[in-house]
Amino acid sequence: MDVVSNNLANMNTAGYKMGSLLFEEHLMPGAEMNEMTGRDKKVSFVLDSSVYRSFAEGNFEQSGNELDVAISGDGWFVVQTPDGDRYTRNGQLKLNADGQLVSPAGHPVLGETGPITFGPNEAGIEIAKDGTISTSEGERGQLRVVQFANNATLKKQGETLFSTDQQPDTAEDARVLQGVVEKSNVQPISELTRMIETVRAYTSVTQTMKQTQELRREAIEQLGTPPRG
């Protein structure tokens, strides 16, 4: 329920990647159902092993904002945080008070040679498909866009930032789109359906446990009542 709720809460967050809970069977050592025979005596439980994230592209939406950018293809923007470089698909960029290009959270967005800064008199920001940024004063740098051999190893840091121990490669086939926002890849109808199924399953299990407890209580009361003679 926590995973589904988080997906729904971020359905309108640019660059958000939906999560799904992974389950696996866990055999409890030594646990057996004595009333069963053979292999049926073994008891196994469900273990929520991890959260899997879908890195499929979200829908692209035209915003008209010259600082909004999206990546078409496999690629990530690189931002500089106090904890090191982080990676994001959220391209709703802005300028801070010092004219530096930053992420929505205020982290510097890295170009190929470091953070990108604009002068107070620069205008007409244009961002090419290869990430090259130009203004009325000429080229200001090129957005650093990277990719990884295995996106599944990326670890979520906040809502749209990810970290990894992998060394990034240049995203050769990715294209940067200016004035475009990549929406989250959450499917609201599917997530609402999952939420309803989760609530129903929880309710069903709770009722079963209550009924089992009630049967045990009645059995204990009957067994504990001395026979009348």
Protein backbone atom coordinates (compact mmCIF):
# COMPACT_ATOMS: atom_id res chain seq x y z
CA MET A 1 0.00 0.00 0.00
CA ASP A 2 2.89 2.38 0.76
CA VAL A 3 4.41 1.78 -2.68
CA VAL A 4 1.09 2.26 -4.50
CA SER A 5 0.29 5.38 -2.47
CA ASN A 6 3.70 6.87 -3.28
CA ASN A 7 3.15 6.20 -6.98
CA LEU A 8 -0.23 7.95 -6.93
CA ALA A 9 1.15 10.87 -4.91
CA ASN A 10 3.82 11.43 -7.60
CA MET A 11 1.69 10.83 -10.69
CA ASN A 12 2.21 14.50 -11.64
CA THR A 13 5.89 14.70 -10.65
CA ALA A 14 8.10 15.23 -13.70
CA GLY A 15 10.60 12.43 -14.26
CA TYR A 16 9.18 10.19 -11.52
CA LYS A 17 9.62 6.44 -12.07
CA MET A 18 6.95 4.18 -10.62
CA GLY A 19 7.81 1.37 -8.23
CA SER A 20 6.44 -2.12 -7.71
CA LEU A 21 7.06 -4.40 -4.75
CA LEU A 22 8.85 -7.67 -5.49
CA PHE A 23 7.88 -10.76 -3.51
CA GLU A 24 9.66 -14.07 -3.09
CA GLU A 25 9.03 -17.30 -1.19
CA HIS A 26 10.83 -17.66 2.12
CA LEU A 27 11.07 -21.14 3.66
CA MET A 28 11.06 -20.98 7.44
CA PRO A 29 13.72 -23.41 8.80
CA GLY A 30 12.22 -25.97 11.14
CA ALA A 31 8.64 -24.76 10.73
CA GLU A 32 6.20 -27.54 9.88
CA MET A 33 2.48 -28.20 9.80
CA ASN A 34 2.25 -31.41 11.82
CA GLU A 35 -1.21 -32.27 10.54
CA MET A 36 0.16 -32.55 7.00
CA THR A 37 2.42 -35.24 5.52
CA GLY A 38 5.40 -35.32 3.17
CA ARG A 39 6.45 -32.12 1.43
CA ASP A 40 3.21 -30.42 2.49
CA LYS A 41 4.54 -30.18 6.05
CA LYS A 42 7.02 -27.42 5.09
CA VAL A 43 5.91 -23.88 5.87
CA SER A 44 6.83 -20.98 3.59
CA PHE A 45 6.15 -17.28 3.91
CA VAL A 46 6.04 -14.31 1.55
CA LEU A 47 9.04 -11.98 1.75
CA ASP A 48 8.91 -8.46 0.31
CA SER A 49 12.44 -8.49 -1.08
CA SER A 50 12.75 -5.10 -2.78
CA VAL A 51 11.08 -2.37 -4.81
CA TYR A 52 11.47 -2.68 -8.57
CA ARG A 53 11.31 0.53 -10.61
CA SER A 54 10.10 0.86 -14.15
CA PHE A 55 12.42 3.13 -16.11
CA ALA A 56 10.12 3.37 -19.11
CA GLU A 57 9.71 6.87 -20.53
CA GLY A 58 6.81 8.94 -19.35
CA ASN A 59 4.68 10.98 -21.73
CA PHE A 60 6.22 14.18 -23.12
CA GLU A 61 4.33 17.42 -22.62
CA GLN A 62 5.07 20.75 -24.30
CA SER A 63 5.55 23.48 -21.69
CA GLY A 64 6.95 26.37 -23.73
CA ASN A 65 9.42 27.15 -20.92
CA GLU A 66 12.91 27.57 -22.40
CA LEU A 67 14.51 25.98 -19.32
CA ASP A 68 12.34 22.85 -19.40
CA VAL A 69 14.19 19.95 -21.01
CA ALA A 70 13.44 16.25 -21.46
CA ILE A 71 15.51 13.32 -22.64
CA SER A 72 14.22 11.17 -25.48
CA GLY A 73 15.88 7.78 -25.17
CA ASP A 74 18.01 6.15 -22.49
CA GLY A 75 19.77 8.90 -20.59
CA TRP A 76 20.04 10.89 -17.37
CA PHE A 77 20.87 14.47 -16.43
CA VAL A 78 23.64 14.81 -13.84
CA VAL A 79 23.19 17.07 -10.81
CA GLN A 80 25.71 17.96 -8.14
CA THR A 81 24.58 17.37 -4.54
CA PRO A 82 26.40 17.56 -1.18
CA ASP A 83 26.47 13.73 -1.25
CA GLY A 84 27.98 13.49 -4.73
CA ASP A 85 26.63 13.28 -8.27
CA ARG A 86 23.04 12.18 -8.67
CA TYR A 87 21.02 11.34 -11.77
CA THR A 88 17.54 12.46 -12.79
CA ARG A 89 15.04 12.58 -15.64
CA ASN A 90 13.34 15.64 -14.15
CA GLY A 91 14.32 18.46 -16.50
CA GLN A 92 12.25 21.30 -15.03
CA LEU A 93 15.36 23.44 -14.63
CA LYS A 94 15.69 27.00 -13.36
CA LEU A 95 18.26 29.69 -12.64
CA ASN A 96 19.27 30.51 -9.08
CA ALA A 97 20.17 33.97 -7.76
CA ASP A 98 23.72 33.58 -9.09
CA GLY A 99 22.55 32.74 -12.62
CA GLN A 100 23.51 29.08 -12.23
CA LEU A 101 21.43 26.38 -13.91
CA VAL A 102 19.93 24.20 -11.17
CA SER A 103 17.44 21.38 -10.66
CA PRO A 104 13.99 21.91 -9.07
CA ALA A 105 15.61 21.15 -5.69
CA GLY A 106 18.33 23.76 -6.29
CA HIS A 107 21.21 21.40 -7.10
CA PRO A 108 23.62 22.56 -9.85
CA VAL A 109 23.02 20.82 -13.17
CA LEU A 110 26.30 19.68 -14.64
CA GLY A 111 27.55 20.29 -18.13
CA GLU A 112 30.46 18.50 -19.75
CA THR A 113 32.88 20.85 -17.98
CA GLY A 114 30.97 21.46 -14.75
CA PRO A 115 28.09 23.72 -13.61
CA ILE A 116 26.58 26.10 -16.17
CA THR A 117 26.23 29.78 -15.33
CA PHE A 118 24.58 32.62 -17.26
CA GLY A 119 25.40 36.32 -17.13
CA PRO A 120 22.79 38.93 -16.10
CA ASN A 121 22.44 40.31 -19.64
CA GLU A 122 22.14 37.01 -21.52
CA ALA A 123 18.86 36.23 -23.23
CA GLY A 124 17.35 33.82 -25.73
CA ILE A 125 18.44 30.51 -24.22
CA GLU A 126 18.45 27.75 -26.84
CA ILE A 127 19.22 24.11 -26.12
CA ALA A 128 20.11 21.85 -29.03
CA LYS A 129 19.31 18.15 -29.27
CA ASP A 130 22.86 17.27 -28.24
CA GLY A 131 22.46 19.41 -25.08
CA THR A 132 24.51 22.36 -26.32
CA ILE A 133 23.27 25.59 -24.69
CA SER A 134 23.50 28.91 -26.55
CA THR A 135 22.38 32.43 -25.65
CA SER A 136 22.71 35.92 -27.09
CA GLU A 137 26.33 35.77 -25.89
CA GLY A 138 27.20 32.51 -27.67
CA GLU A 139 27.64 28.94 -26.41
CA ARG A 140 27.50 28.49 -22.66
CA GLY A 141 28.21 24.76 -22.41
CA GLN A 142 26.68 21.37 -23.09
CA LEU A 143 24.40 19.47 -20.74
CA ARG A 144 25.97 16.27 -19.54
CA VAL A 145 23.68 13.35 -20.43
CA VAL A 146 24.77 9.88 -19.34
CA GLN A 147 23.54 6.31 -19.42
CA PHE A 148 24.26 3.10 -17.50
CA ALA A 149 24.75 -0.51 -18.47
CA ASN A 150 22.03 -1.54 -16.01
CA ASN A 151 19.42 0.93 -14.80
CA ALA A 152 18.08 -1.66 -12.35
CA THR A 153 21.01 -0.94 -10.00
CA LEU A 154 20.02 2.72 -9.62
CA LYS A 155 18.98 3.55 -6.06
CA LYS A 156 16.21 6.05 -5.42
CA GLN A 157 17.33 9.17 -3.56
CA GLY A 158 14.30 11.39 -2.99
CA GLU A 159 11.46 11.44 -5.50
CA THR A 160 13.35 11.89 -8.78
CA LEU A 161 17.06 11.52 -7.94
CA PHE A 162 19.02 8.28 -8.23
CA SER A 163 22.49 7.15 -7.20
CA THR A 164 24.65 4.23 -8.32
CA ASP A 165 28.13 2.81 -8.00
CA GLN A 166 28.27 2.24 -11.76
CA GLN A 167 30.49 4.43 -13.87
CA PRO A 168 28.32 6.42 -16.31
CA ASP A 169 28.83 6.41 -20.05
CA THR A 170 27.96 9.18 -22.47
CA ALA A 171 24.42 8.71 -23.79
CA GLU A 172 25.23 8.73 -27.49
CA ASP A 173 21.70 8.04 -28.77
CA ALA A 174 19.74 10.24 -26.36
CA ARG A 175 18.21 13.52 -27.59
CA VAL A 176 17.53 16.59 -25.47
CA LEU A 177 14.18 18.28 -26.13
CA GLN A 178 13.77 21.94 -25.15
CA GLY A 179 10.47 23.30 -23.88
CA VAL A 180 9.30 19.77 -23.06
CA VAL A 181 8.60 18.04 -19.72
CA GLU A 182 8.71 14.28 -19.23
CA LYS A 183 5.76 13.35 -17.04
CA SER A 184 5.86 10.45 -14.60
CA ASN A 185 5.35 6.97 -16.01
CA VAL A 186 2.69 6.14 -13.42
CA GLN A 187 -0.50 4.64 -14.85
CA PRO A 188 -3.21 6.06 -12.54
CA ILE A 189 -5.94 3.57 -13.43
CA SER A 190 -3.62 0.61 -12.89
CA GLU A 191 -2.42 2.00 -9.57
CA LEU A 192 -5.97 2.64 -8.35
CA THR A 193 -6.85 -0.94 -9.27
CA ARG A 194 -3.81 -2.20 -7.34
CA MET A 195 -4.86 -0.12 -4.33
CA ILE A 196 -8.38 -1.57 -4.37
CA GLU A 197 -7.00 -5.12 -4.69
CA THR A 198 -4.61 -4.49 -1.79
CA VAL A 199 -7.39 -3.19 0.46
CA ARG A 200 -9.63 -6.14 -0.40
CA ALA A 201 -6.83 -8.65 0.24
CA TYR A 202 -6.00 -7.01 3.57
CA THR A 203 -9.66 -7.01 4.61
CA SER A 204 -10.07 -10.66 3.61
CA VAL A 205 -6.98 -11.78 5.56
CA THR A 206 -8.06 -9.75 8.61
CA GLN A 207 -11.48 -11.35 8.61
CA THR A 208 -9.98 -14.83 8.25
CA MET A 209 -7.66 -14.20 11.20
CA LYS A 210 -10.55 -12.97 13.32
CA GLN A 211 -12.65 -16.01 12.44
CA THR A 212 -9.75 -18.36 13.25
CA GLN A 213 -9.19 -16.61 16.56
CA GLU A 214 -12.88 -16.87 17.39
CA LEU A 215 -12.90 -20.61 16.61
CA ARG A 216 -9.89 -21.12 18.89
CA ARG A 217 -11.55 -19.17 21.69
CA GLU A 218 -14.73 -21.22 21.42
CA ALA A 219 -12.74 -24.47 21.34
CA ILE A 220 -10.79 -23.49 24.46
CA GLU A 221 -13.99 -22.55 26.28
CA GLN A 222 -15.65 -25.85 25.40
CA LEU A 223 -12.60 -27.94 26.29
CA GLY A 224 -12.17 -26.03 29.54
CA THR A 225 -15.74 -26.55 30.66
CA PRO A 226 -15.99 -29.60 33.00
CA PRO A 227 -18.59 -32.18 32.03
CA ARG A 228 -21.81 -32.20 33.94
CA GLY A 229 -22.48 -35.47 35.73
